[in-house]
Amino acid sequence: MSKDPAFLFYSQDFYTGTRLMLPEERACYIDLLIYQHQNGYIPTDLKRVQMFCSGCSLEVVETVLNTKFNQVVNHLVNQKTNQTETVWLNKRLTEETTKRDKYRPQKVASGTFAGLISKSKLTKKQKEKIKKDFNFSKIIEKKGVLITDLDLIKSNVKDQFNQMVDHMVNNLENENENENENIIVKIKDSDFEEIKNVFNSVCKDLPSIQKITEKRKKSILNLAKKHNLETIGNVFKITSQSEFLNGNNKDNWSASFDWLLNPNNFLKVLEGNYSKNTTNNKPTVNGQTKETVETNLNNWLNDA
């Protein structure tokens, strides 16, 4: 991040704090504030500092430093080498520049977060939840050190936002699963008997069943939590119309009552994955098999 070119100047505070100073002391004070802002600190080498304070004597420089600045021991002057020195710092300027340093990363983090929130398809309640729980301090600071890499800040915001959304979605799915588990479905014994009779009468080409066992009752109850009894009957009807499920396939495999009670198989049948015109594994032309086309052609030739 480029160096901040400015700091806040509170005119009333400056006037109150310098009105008893001599003109050359006030001028020196301004030069020293600028020096600290540009370099981060003021060294203890007064001759070096005096060169920056044009026209000021060493005595004036020393007086201003002693009255308006604090000497700080072991101040970090180089983050890369961890070099520390004894330096002069103006407490008020340090506080104001620190606020300014934090402002830009916070602004970038807030702007990135606002963009993600506005583009998301979250509900109003979900958005308010994320806004409340979002940890911005974790985004712009690491172990108490301010992060100034703006691209890294944007990336951190996106990562935390996506994690919170994923967590929210997972919790919602778990809540829905728990709700489904808590649904109590009551089916009378006569209904189980009716299901057995409907299957045997509709799916005539499949092995008939003689009894609804406890295991089958449990499977039917699980299906009934998401589908009603009418839907179960419709699946039996779709099954009866499917050539594939009735054994017209290369393996001569056919479905069974228990196979249909499997939730995944049940849903596939309901969605039409085993429709009668596409399950015989034979090549077709305009929906007709080769044998059908040849038969129709021969009949047409004979009629001609």
C-alpha atoms as a PDB file:
ATOM      1  CA  MET A   1       0.000   0.000   0.000  1.00  0.00           C
ATOM      2  CA  SER A   2       1.360   3.447  -0.917  1.00  0.00           C
ATOM      3  CA  LYS A   3       2.256   5.837   1.903  1.00  0.00           C
ATOM      4  CA  ASP A   4      -0.603   7.993   3.140  1.00  0.00           C
ATOM      5  CA  PRO A   5       0.115  11.517   1.827  1.00  0.00           C
ATOM      6  CA  ALA A   6      -1.824  13.316   4.584  1.00  0.00           C
ATOM      7  CA  PHE A   7      -2.852  13.337   8.213  1.00  0.00           C
ATOM      8  CA  LEU A   8      -5.711  15.087   9.977  1.00  0.00           C
ATOM      9  CA  PHE A   9      -4.846  18.541  11.301  1.00  0.00           C
ATOM     10  CA  TYR A  10      -7.097  19.781  14.101  1.00  0.00           C
ATOM     11  CA  SER A  11      -6.685  23.550  13.959  1.00  0.00           C
ATOM     12  CA  GLN A  12      -8.283  24.313  17.327  1.00  0.00           C
ATOM     13  CA  ASP A  13      -6.157  21.715  19.108  1.00  0.00           C
ATOM     14  CA  PHE A  14      -3.032  22.998  17.379  1.00  0.00           C
ATOM     15  CA  TYR A  15      -3.786  26.588  18.302  1.00  0.00           C
ATOM     16  CA  THR A  16      -4.479  25.709  21.936  1.00  0.00           C
ATOM     17  CA  GLY A  17      -1.352  23.587  22.229  1.00  0.00           C
ATOM     18  CA  THR A  18       1.046  26.055  20.599  1.00  0.00           C
ATOM     19  CA  ARG A  19      -0.238  29.530  21.540  1.00  0.00           C
ATOM     20  CA  LEU A  20       2.440  29.915  24.247  1.00  0.00           C
ATOM     21  CA  MET A  21       5.251  28.773  21.941  1.00  0.00           C
ATOM     22  CA  LEU A  22       7.655  31.166  20.244  1.00  0.00           C
ATOM     23  CA  PRO A  23       7.234  31.553  16.466  1.00  0.00           C
ATOM     24  CA  GLU A  24      10.457  29.624  15.741  1.00  0.00           C
ATOM     25  CA  GLU A  25       9.329  26.853  18.125  1.00  0.00           C
ATOM     26  CA  ARG A  26       5.953  26.614  16.394  1.00  0.00           C
ATOM     27  CA  ALA A  27       7.640  26.438  12.984  1.00  0.00           C
ATOM     28  CA  CYS A  28      10.029  23.776  14.266  1.00  0.00           C
ATOM     29  CA  TYR A  29       7.079  21.839  15.710  1.00  0.00           C
ATOM     30  CA  ILE A  30       5.355  21.732  12.317  1.00  0.00           C
ATOM     31  CA  ASP A  31       8.587  20.586  10.624  1.00  0.00           C
ATOM     32  CA  LEU A  32       9.022  17.800  13.192  1.00  0.00           C
ATOM     33  CA  LEU A  33       5.428  16.617  12.757  1.00  0.00           C
ATOM     34  CA  ILE A  34       5.968  16.432   9.002  1.00  0.00           C
ATOM     35  CA  TYR A  35       9.260  14.585   9.510  1.00  0.00           C
ATOM     36  CA  GLN A  36       7.609  11.970  11.740  1.00  0.00           C
ATOM     37  CA  HIS A  37       4.716  11.525   9.304  1.00  0.00           C
ATOM     38  CA  GLN A  38       7.033  11.026   6.342  1.00  0.00           C
ATOM     39  CA  ASN A  39       9.538   8.744   8.086  1.00  0.00           C
ATOM     40  CA  GLY A  40       7.524   7.100  10.833  1.00  0.00           C
ATOM     41  CA  TYR A  41       9.703   8.386  13.649  1.00  0.00           C
ATOM     42  CA  ILE A  42      12.282  11.058  14.584  1.00  0.00           C
ATOM     43  CA  PRO A  43      15.836   9.856  15.279  1.00  0.00           C
ATOM     44  CA  THR A  44      17.749  10.937  18.362  1.00  0.00           C
ATOM     45  CA  ASP A  45      20.530  12.437  16.215  1.00  0.00           C
ATOM     46  CA  LEU A  46      19.610  16.114  16.728  1.00  0.00           C
ATOM     47  CA  LYS A  47      22.038  17.421  14.115  1.00  0.00           C
ATOM     48  CA  ARG A  48      20.388  15.211  11.530  1.00  0.00           C
ATOM     49  CA  VAL A  49      16.957  16.440  12.599  1.00  0.00           C
ATOM     50  CA  GLN A  50      18.115  20.075  12.594  1.00  0.00           C
ATOM     51  CA  MET A  51      18.891  19.815   8.886  1.00  0.00           C
ATOM     52  CA  PHE A  52      15.193  19.174   8.262  1.00  0.00           C
ATOM     53  CA  CYS A  53      14.081  22.046  10.504  1.00  0.00           C
ATOM     54  CA  SER A  54      15.451  24.896   8.407  1.00  0.00           C
ATOM     55  CA  GLY A  55      16.532  27.967  10.354  1.00  0.00           C
ATOM     56  CA  CYS A  56      16.071  26.347  13.768  1.00  0.00           C
ATOM     57  CA  SER A  57      18.864  26.061  16.297  1.00  0.00           C
ATOM     58  CA  LEU A  58      19.748  22.838  18.104  1.00  0.00           C
ATOM     59  CA  GLU A  59      18.405  24.421  21.279  1.00  0.00           C
ATOM     60  CA  VAL A  60      14.994  25.061  19.697  1.00  0.00           C
ATOM     61  CA  VAL A  61      14.850  21.541  18.240  1.00  0.00           C
ATOM     62  CA  GLU A  62      15.709  20.025  21.604  1.00  0.00           C
ATOM     63  CA  THR A  63      13.157  22.202  23.404  1.00  0.00           C
ATOM     64  CA  VAL A  64      10.332  21.234  21.050  1.00  0.00           C
ATOM     65  CA  LEU A  65      11.217  17.546  21.216  1.00  0.00           C
ATOM     66  CA  ASN A  66      11.230  17.589  25.007  1.00  0.00           C
ATOM     67  CA  THR A  67       7.894  19.419  25.257  1.00  0.00           C
ATOM     68  CA  LYS A  68       5.876  17.901  22.396  1.00  0.00           C
ATOM     69  CA  PHE A  69       7.426  14.471  21.795  1.00  0.00           C
ATOM     70  CA  ASN A  70       8.142  11.343  23.830  1.00  0.00           C
ATOM     71  CA  GLN A  71      11.334   9.320  23.643  1.00  0.00           C
ATOM     72  CA  VAL A  72      10.504   5.658  22.913  1.00  0.00           C
ATOM     73  CA  VAL A  73      12.999   2.846  23.505  1.00  0.00           C
ATOM     74  CA  ASN A  74      13.211  -0.224  21.238  1.00  0.00           C
ATOM     75  CA  HIS A  75      10.841   1.181  18.638  1.00  0.00           C
ATOM     76  CA  LEU A  76      10.581  -1.022  15.525  1.00  0.00           C
ATOM     77  CA  VAL A  77      11.985   0.972  12.610  1.00  0.00           C
ATOM     78  CA  ASN A  78      12.349  -1.845  10.042  1.00  0.00           C
ATOM     79  CA  GLN A  79       9.824  -4.684   9.871  1.00  0.00           C
ATOM     80  CA  LYS A  80      11.879  -6.750   7.424  1.00  0.00           C
ATOM     81  CA  THR A  81      14.984  -6.852   9.638  1.00  0.00           C
ATOM     82  CA  ASN A  82      13.192  -6.318  12.980  1.00  0.00           C
ATOM     83  CA  GLN A  83      15.573  -3.429  13.638  1.00  0.00           C
ATOM     84  CA  THR A  84      14.738  -1.331  16.702  1.00  0.00           C
ATOM     85  CA  GLU A  85      16.015   2.065  17.853  1.00  0.00           C
ATOM     86  CA  THR A  86      15.386   4.721  20.468  1.00  0.00           C
ATOM     87  CA  VAL A  87      13.327   7.410  18.734  1.00  0.00           C
ATOM     88  CA  TRP A  88      11.147  10.470  19.294  1.00  0.00           C
ATOM     89  CA  LEU A  89       7.389  10.198  18.689  1.00  0.00           C
ATOM     90  CA  ASN A  90       4.499  12.615  18.991  1.00  0.00           C
ATOM     91  CA  LYS A  91       1.724  10.616  20.674  1.00  0.00           C
ATOM     92  CA  ARG A  92      -1.198  12.463  19.054  1.00  0.00           C
ATOM     93  CA  LEU A  93       0.257  12.170  15.555  1.00  0.00           C
ATOM     94  CA  THR A  94       0.953   8.464  16.101  1.00  0.00           C
ATOM     95  CA  GLU A  95      -2.678   7.911  17.100  1.00  0.00           C
ATOM     96  CA  GLU A  96      -4.041   9.853  14.118  1.00  0.00           C
ATOM     97  CA  THR A  97      -1.800   8.150  11.541  1.00  0.00           C
ATOM     98  CA  THR A  98      -2.683   4.742  12.993  1.00  0.00           C
ATOM     99  CA  LYS A  99      -6.366   5.556  12.530  1.00  0.00           C
ATOM    100  CA  ARG A 100      -5.677   6.594   8.948  1.00  0.00           C
ATOM    101  CA  ASP A 101      -3.616   3.457   8.308  1.00  0.00           C
ATOM    102  CA  LYS A 102      -6.517   1.291   9.447  1.00  0.00           C
ATOM    103  CA  TYR A 103      -9.131   3.287   7.547  1.00  0.00           C
ATOM    104  CA  ARG A 104      -8.125   2.230   4.034  1.00  0.00           C
ATOM    105  CA  PRO A 105      -7.928  -1.536   4.704  1.00  0.00           C
ATOM    106  CA  GLN A 106     -11.245  -1.306   6.566  1.00  0.00           C
ATOM    107  CA  LYS A 107     -12.800   0.570   3.656  1.00  0.00           C
ATOM    108  CA  VAL A 108     -11.580  -2.028   1.138  1.00  0.00           C
ATOM    109  CA  ALA A 109     -12.792  -4.887   3.352  1.00  0.00           C
ATOM    110  CA  SER A 110     -16.198  -3.258   3.871  1.00  0.00           C
ATOM    111  CA  GLY A 111     -16.604  -2.517   0.159  1.00  0.00           C
ATOM    112  CA  THR A 112     -15.716  -6.075  -0.853  1.00  0.00           C
ATOM    113  CA  PHE A 113     -18.089  -7.497   1.747  1.00  0.00           C
ATOM    114  CA  ALA A 114     -20.935  -5.208   0.638  1.00  0.00           C
ATOM    115  CA  GLY A 115     -20.481  -6.343  -2.969  1.00  0.00           C
ATOM    116  CA  LEU A 116     -20.623 -10.020  -2.010  1.00  0.00           C
ATOM    117  CA  ILE A 117     -23.732  -9.499   0.112  1.00  0.00           C
ATOM    118  CA  SER A 118     -25.592  -7.587  -2.614  1.00  0.00           C
ATOM    119  CA  LYS A 119     -24.823 -10.193  -5.302  1.00  0.00           C
ATOM    120  CA  SER A 120     -25.727 -13.181  -3.129  1.00  0.00           C
ATOM    121  CA  LYS A 121     -29.083 -14.951  -3.265  1.00  0.00           C
ATOM    122  CA  LEU A 122     -29.341 -15.101   0.514  1.00  0.00           C
ATOM    123  CA  THR A 123     -32.560 -14.188   2.273  1.00  0.00           C
ATOM    124  CA  LYS A 124     -32.801 -10.945   4.217  1.00  0.00           C
ATOM    125  CA  LYS A 125     -32.559 -12.863   7.475  1.00  0.00           C
ATOM    126  CA  GLN A 126     -29.462 -14.741   6.305  1.00  0.00           C
ATOM    127  CA  LYS A 127     -27.791 -11.516   5.175  1.00  0.00           C
ATOM    128  CA  GLU A 128     -28.423  -9.894   8.549  1.00  0.00           C
ATOM    129  CA  LYS A 129     -26.965 -12.955  10.271  1.00  0.00           C
ATOM    130  CA  ILE A 130     -23.752 -12.811   8.222  1.00  0.00           C
ATOM    131  CA  LYS A 131     -23.424  -9.046   8.705  1.00  0.00           C
ATOM    132  CA  LYS A 132     -23.696  -9.513  12.453  1.00  0.00           C
ATOM    133  CA  ASP A 133     -21.170 -12.358  12.680  1.00  0.00           C
ATOM    134  CA  PHE A 134     -18.609 -11.204  10.093  1.00  0.00           C
ATOM    135  CA  ASN A 135     -15.195 -10.661  11.736  1.00  0.00           C
ATOM    136  CA  PHE A 136     -13.498  -7.690  10.039  1.00  0.00           C
ATOM    137  CA  SER A 137     -10.642  -7.496  12.557  1.00  0.00           C
ATOM    138  CA  LYS A 138      -9.580 -10.972  11.454  1.00  0.00           C
ATOM    139  CA  ILE A 139      -9.483  -9.703   7.870  1.00  0.00           C
ATOM    140  CA  ILE A 140      -7.280  -6.626   8.303  1.00  0.00           C
ATOM    141  CA  GLU A 141      -5.027  -7.780  11.131  1.00  0.00           C
ATOM    142  CA  LYS A 142      -2.856 -10.819  11.787  1.00  0.00           C
ATOM    143  CA  LYS A 143      -1.389 -11.281  15.263  1.00  0.00           C
ATOM    144  CA  GLY A 144      -1.958  -7.605  15.970  1.00  0.00           C
ATOM    145  CA  VAL A 145      -0.172  -6.448  12.801  1.00  0.00           C
ATOM    146  CA  LEU A 146      -2.177  -4.444  10.250  1.00  0.00           C
ATOM    147  CA  ILE A 147      -2.475  -6.081   6.819  1.00  0.00           C
ATOM    148  CA  THR A 148      -1.821  -3.490   4.111  1.00  0.00           C
ATOM    149  CA  ASP A 149      -1.963  -5.796   1.060  1.00  0.00           C
ATOM    150  CA  LEU A 150      -5.335  -4.799  -0.408  1.00  0.00           C
ATOM    151  CA  ASP A 151      -5.549  -7.835  -2.723  1.00  0.00           C
ATOM    152  CA  LEU A 152      -4.955 -10.115   0.259  1.00  0.00           C
ATOM    153  CA  ILE A 153      -7.679  -8.295   2.188  1.00  0.00           C
ATOM    154  CA  LYS A 154     -10.160  -8.810  -0.675  1.00  0.00           C
ATOM    155  CA  SER A 155      -9.227 -12.496  -0.840  1.00  0.00           C
ATOM    156  CA  ASN A 156      -9.631 -12.893   2.930  1.00  0.00           C
ATOM    157  CA  VAL A 157     -13.081 -11.284   2.794  1.00  0.00           C
ATOM    158  CA  LYS A 158     -14.209 -13.660   0.028  1.00  0.00           C
ATOM    159  CA  ASP A 159     -12.839 -16.705   1.869  1.00  0.00           C
ATOM    160  CA  GLN A 160     -14.562 -15.840   5.146  1.00  0.00           C
ATOM    161  CA  PHE A 161     -17.818 -14.942   3.365  1.00  0.00           C
ATOM    162  CA  ASN A 162     -17.869 -18.235   1.414  1.00  0.00           C
ATOM    163  CA  GLN A 163     -17.107 -20.220   4.566  1.00  0.00           C
ATOM    164  CA  MET A 164     -19.987 -18.555   6.400  1.00  0.00           C
ATOM    165  CA  VAL A 165     -22.388 -19.193   3.501  1.00  0.00           C
ATOM    166  CA  ASP A 166     -21.314 -22.855   3.246  1.00  0.00           C
ATOM    167  CA  HIS A 167     -21.750 -23.263   6.997  1.00  0.00           C
ATOM    168  CA  MET A 168     -25.187 -21.662   6.805  1.00  0.00           C
ATOM    169  CA  VAL A 169     -26.248 -23.963   3.930  1.00  0.00           C
ATOM    170  CA  ASN A 170     -24.989 -27.065   5.758  1.00  0.00           C
ATOM    171  CA  ASN A 171     -26.890 -26.068   8.892  1.00  0.00           C
ATOM    172  CA  LEU A 172     -30.034 -25.512   6.828  1.00  0.00           C
ATOM    173  CA  GLU A 173     -29.691 -28.949   5.222  1.00  0.00           C
ATOM    174  CA  ASN A 174     -29.216 -30.539   8.635  1.00  0.00           C
ATOM    175  CA  GLU A 175     -32.290 -28.716   9.944  1.00  0.00           C
ATOM    176  CA  ASN A 176     -34.329 -29.966   6.976  1.00  0.00           C
ATOM    177  CA  GLU A 177     -33.074 -33.508   7.545  1.00  0.00           C
ATOM    178  CA  ASN A 178     -33.989 -33.281  11.214  1.00  0.00           C
ATOM    179  CA  GLU A 179     -37.430 -31.955  10.303  1.00  0.00           C
ATOM    180  CA  ASN A 180     -37.949 -34.873   7.905  1.00  0.00           C
ATOM    181  CA  GLU A 181     -36.839 -37.314  10.592  1.00  0.00           C
ATOM    182  CA  ASN A 182     -39.332 -35.814  13.026  1.00  0.00           C
ATOM    183  CA  ILE A 183     -42.265 -36.137  10.607  1.00  0.00           C
ATOM    184  CA  ILE A 184     -44.651 -38.765  11.902  1.00  0.00           C
ATOM    185  CA  VAL A 185     -46.461 -40.656   9.164  1.00  0.00           C
ATOM    186  CA  LYS A 186     -49.275 -42.963  10.160  1.00  0.00           C
ATOM    187  CA  ILE A 187     -50.345 -45.656   7.698  1.00  0.00           C
ATOM    188  CA  LYS A 188     -53.054 -48.125   8.603  1.00  0.00           C
ATOM    189  CA  ASP A 189     -52.600 -51.853   8.080  1.00  0.00           C
ATOM    190  CA  SER A 190     -55.340 -51.672   5.465  1.00  0.00           C
ATOM    191  CA  ASP A 191     -53.231 -49.123   3.549  1.00  0.00           C
ATOM    192  CA  PHE A 192     -50.246 -51.466   3.532  1.00  0.00           C
ATOM    193  CA  GLU A 193     -52.523 -54.212   2.238  1.00  0.00           C
ATOM    194  CA  GLU A 194     -53.818 -51.849  -0.451  1.00  0.00           C
ATOM    195  CA  ILE A 195     -50.261 -51.019  -1.541  1.00  0.00           C
ATOM    196  CA  LYS A 196     -49.530 -54.731  -1.889  1.00  0.00           C
ATOM    197  CA  ASN A 197     -52.678 -55.333  -3.934  1.00  0.00           C
ATOM    198  CA  VAL A 198     -52.047 -52.324  -6.200  1.00  0.00           C
ATOM    199  CA  PHE A 199     -48.510 -53.471  -6.938  1.00  0.00           C
ATOM    200  CA  ASN A 200     -49.589 -57.024  -7.735  1.00  0.00           C
ATOM    201  CA  SER A 201     -52.439 -55.886  -9.989  1.00  0.00           C
ATOM    202  CA  VAL A 202     -50.564 -53.095 -11.811  1.00  0.00           C
ATOM    203  CA  CYS A 203     -47.094 -54.629 -12.148  1.00  0.00           C
ATOM    204  CA  LYS A 204     -48.319 -57.982 -13.453  1.00  0.00           C
ATOM    205  CA  ASP A 205     -45.048 -58.878 -15.197  1.00  0.00           C
ATOM    206  CA  LEU A 206     -42.998 -58.474 -12.029  1.00  0.00           C
ATOM    207  CA  PRO A 207     -42.739 -60.987  -9.166  1.00  0.00           C
ATOM    208  CA  SER A 208     -45.780 -60.557  -6.946  1.00  0.00           C
ATOM    209  CA  ILE A 209     -45.484 -60.090  -3.204  1.00  0.00           C
ATOM    210  CA  GLN A 210     -47.391 -61.991  -0.571  1.00  0.00           C
ATOM    211  CA  LYS A 211     -46.722 -59.949   2.550  1.00  0.00           C
ATOM    212  CA  ILE A 212     -45.735 -56.463   3.685  1.00  0.00           C
ATOM    213  CA  THR A 213     -42.955 -57.275   6.149  1.00  0.00           C
ATOM    214  CA  GLU A 214     -41.801 -54.923   8.914  1.00  0.00           C
ATOM    215  CA  LYS A 215     -38.789 -54.002   6.798  1.00  0.00           C
ATOM    216  CA  ARG A 216     -41.073 -53.131   3.883  1.00  0.00           C
ATOM    217  CA  LYS A 217     -43.354 -51.123   6.177  1.00  0.00           C
ATOM    218  CA  LYS A 218     -40.373 -49.078   7.331  1.00  0.00           C
ATOM    219  CA  SER A 219     -39.334 -48.401   3.728  1.00  0.00           C
ATOM    220  CA  ILE A 220     -42.867 -47.366   2.784  1.00  0.00           C
ATOM    221  CA  LEU A 221     -43.071 -45.026   5.788  1.00  0.00           C
ATOM    222  CA  ASN A 222     -39.780 -43.379   4.782  1.00  0.00           C
ATOM    223  CA  LEU A 223     -41.095 -42.812   1.255  1.00  0.00           C
ATOM    224  CA  ALA A 224     -44.368 -41.472   2.623  1.00  0.00           C
ATOM    225  CA  LYS A 225     -42.489 -38.714   4.492  1.00  0.00           C
ATOM    226  CA  LYS A 226     -41.646 -37.111   1.143  1.00  0.00           C
ATOM    227  CA  HIS A 227     -44.292 -38.642  -1.134  1.00  0.00           C
ATOM    228  CA  ASN A 228     -47.939 -39.480  -0.552  1.00  0.00           C
ATOM    229  CA  LEU A 229     -49.574 -42.854  -1.174  1.00  0.00           C
ATOM    230  CA  GLU A 230     -50.927 -41.674  -4.522  1.00  0.00           C
ATOM    231  CA  THR A 231     -47.381 -41.000  -5.729  1.00  0.00           C
ATOM    232  CA  ILE A 232     -46.355 -44.516  -4.728  1.00  0.00           C
ATOM    233  CA  GLY A 233     -49.212 -45.831  -6.852  1.00  0.00           C
ATOM    234  CA  ASN A 234     -48.088 -43.670  -9.787  1.00  0.00           C
ATOM    235  CA  VAL A 235     -44.585 -45.140  -9.546  1.00  0.00           C
ATOM    236  CA  PHE A 236     -46.100 -48.618  -9.795  1.00  0.00           C
ATOM    237  CA  LYS A 237     -47.969 -47.496 -12.929  1.00  0.00           C
ATOM    238  CA  ILE A 238     -44.820 -45.989 -14.507  1.00  0.00           C
ATOM    239  CA  THR A 239     -42.956 -49.203 -13.706  1.00  0.00           C
ATOM    240  CA  SER A 240     -45.589 -51.336 -15.416  1.00  0.00           C
ATOM    241  CA  GLN A 241     -45.182 -49.264 -18.612  1.00  0.00           C
ATOM    242  CA  SER A 242     -41.379 -49.493 -18.680  1.00  0.00           C
ATOM    243  CA  GLU A 243     -40.022 -52.210 -20.972  1.00  0.00           C
ATOM    244  CA  PHE A 244     -36.621 -52.007 -19.300  1.00  0.00           C
ATOM    245  CA  LEU A 245     -37.963 -52.495 -15.771  1.00  0.00           C
ATOM    246  CA  ASN A 246     -40.051 -55.431 -16.977  1.00  0.00           C
ATOM    247  CA  GLY A 247     -37.060 -57.395 -18.273  1.00  0.00           C
ATOM    248  CA  ASN A 248     -36.751 -56.109 -21.857  1.00  0.00           C
ATOM    249  CA  ASN A 249     -33.015 -55.379 -21.604  1.00  0.00           C
ATOM    250  CA  LYS A 250     -29.767 -57.102 -22.531  1.00  0.00           C
ATOM    251  CA  ASP A 251     -29.409 -58.682 -19.072  1.00  0.00           C
ATOM    252  CA  ASN A 252     -33.054 -59.760 -18.841  1.00  0.00           C
ATOM    253  CA  TRP A 253     -33.128 -58.014 -15.476  1.00  0.00           C
ATOM    254  CA  SER A 254     -36.417 -56.841 -14.043  1.00  0.00           C
ATOM    255  CA  ALA A 255     -37.336 -54.642 -11.115  1.00  0.00           C
ATOM    256  CA  SER A 256     -38.944 -55.865  -7.916  1.00  0.00           C
ATOM    257  CA  PHE A 257     -41.145 -54.420  -5.207  1.00  0.00           C
ATOM    258  CA  ASP A 258     -38.200 -54.064  -2.812  1.00  0.00           C
ATOM    259  CA  TRP A 259     -36.054 -52.467  -5.526  1.00  0.00           C
ATOM    260  CA  LEU A 260     -38.744 -49.813  -6.025  1.00  0.00           C
ATOM    261  CA  LEU A 261     -38.812 -49.051  -2.290  1.00  0.00           C
ATOM    262  CA  ASN A 262     -35.213 -47.861  -2.443  1.00  0.00           C
ATOM    263  CA  PRO A 263     -35.472 -44.017  -2.299  1.00  0.00           C
ATOM    264  CA  ASN A 264     -32.957 -43.482  -5.122  1.00  0.00           C
ATOM    265  CA  ASN A 265     -34.618 -46.023  -7.408  1.00  0.00           C
ATOM    266  CA  PHE A 266     -38.060 -44.678  -6.534  1.00  0.00           C
ATOM    267  CA  LEU A 267     -37.038 -41.140  -7.506  1.00  0.00           C
ATOM    268  CA  LYS A 268     -35.432 -42.258 -10.787  1.00  0.00           C
ATOM    269  CA  VAL A 269     -38.600 -44.063 -11.816  1.00  0.00           C
ATOM    270  CA  LEU A 270     -40.729 -41.088 -10.788  1.00  0.00           C
ATOM    271  CA  GLU A 271     -38.549 -38.740 -12.879  1.00  0.00           C
ATOM    272  CA  GLY A 272     -38.969 -40.942 -15.971  1.00  0.00           C
ATOM    273  CA  ASN A 273     -35.465 -42.389 -16.241  1.00  0.00           C
ATOM    274  CA  TYR A 274     -36.930 -45.747 -17.262  1.00  0.00           C
ATOM    275  CA  SER A 275     -39.604 -44.633 -19.738  1.00  0.00           C
ATOM    276  CA  LYS A 276     -40.890 -47.396 -21.977  1.00  0.00           C
ATOM    277  CA  ASN A 277     -39.626 -45.923 -25.276  1.00  0.00           C
ATOM    278  CA  THR A 278     -35.997 -45.541 -24.261  1.00  0.00           C
ATOM    279  CA  THR A 279     -35.151 -48.529 -22.127  1.00  0.00           C
ATOM    280  CA  ASN A 280     -34.913 -51.528 -24.459  1.00  0.00           C
ATOM    281  CA  ASN A 281     -31.282 -50.762 -25.351  1.00  0.00           C
ATOM    282  CA  LYS A 282     -32.034 -51.182 -29.076  1.00  0.00           C
ATOM    283  CA  PRO A 283     -31.135 -48.519 -31.665  1.00  0.00           C
ATOM    284  CA  THR A 284     -34.113 -46.505 -32.853  1.00  0.00           C
ATOM    285  CA  VAL A 285     -35.067 -44.349 -35.821  1.00  0.00           C
ATOM    286  CA  ASN A 286     -37.583 -41.647 -34.994  1.00  0.00           C
ATOM    287  CA  GLY A 287     -38.454 -43.585 -31.858  1.00  0.00           C
ATOM    288  CA  GLN A 288     -38.859 -46.951 -33.723  1.00  0.00           C
ATOM    289  CA  THR A 289     -36.518 -49.932 -33.494  1.00  0.00           C
ATOM    290  CA  LYS A 290     -34.842 -51.417 -36.549  1.00  0.00           C
ATOM    291  CA  GLU A 291     -37.207 -54.408 -36.459  1.00  0.00           C
ATOM    292  CA  THR A 292     -40.268 -52.138 -36.380  1.00  0.00           C
ATOM    293  CA  VAL A 293     -39.024 -50.085 -39.330  1.00  0.00           C
ATOM    294  CA  GLU A 294     -38.326 -53.251 -41.393  1.00  0.00           C
ATOM    295  CA  THR A 295     -41.740 -54.720 -40.556  1.00  0.00           C
ATOM    296  CA  ASN A 296     -43.542 -51.516 -41.572  1.00  0.00           C
ATOM    297  CA  LEU A 297     -41.513 -51.343 -44.794  1.00  0.00           C
ATOM    298  CA  ASN A 298     -42.312 -54.952 -45.736  1.00  0.00           C
ATOM    299  CA  ASN A 299     -46.001 -54.415 -45.029  1.00  0.00           C
ATOM    300  CA  TRP A 300     -45.976 -51.321 -47.227  1.00  0.00           C
ATOM    301  CA  LEU A 301     -44.258 -53.205 -50.080  1.00  0.00           C
ATOM    302  CA  ASN A 302     -46.709 -56.098 -49.830  1.00  0.00           C
ATOM    303  CA  ASP A 303     -49.659 -53.730 -49.876  1.00  0.00           C
ATOM    304  CA  ALA A 304     -48.215 -51.994 -52.918  1.00  0.00           C
END
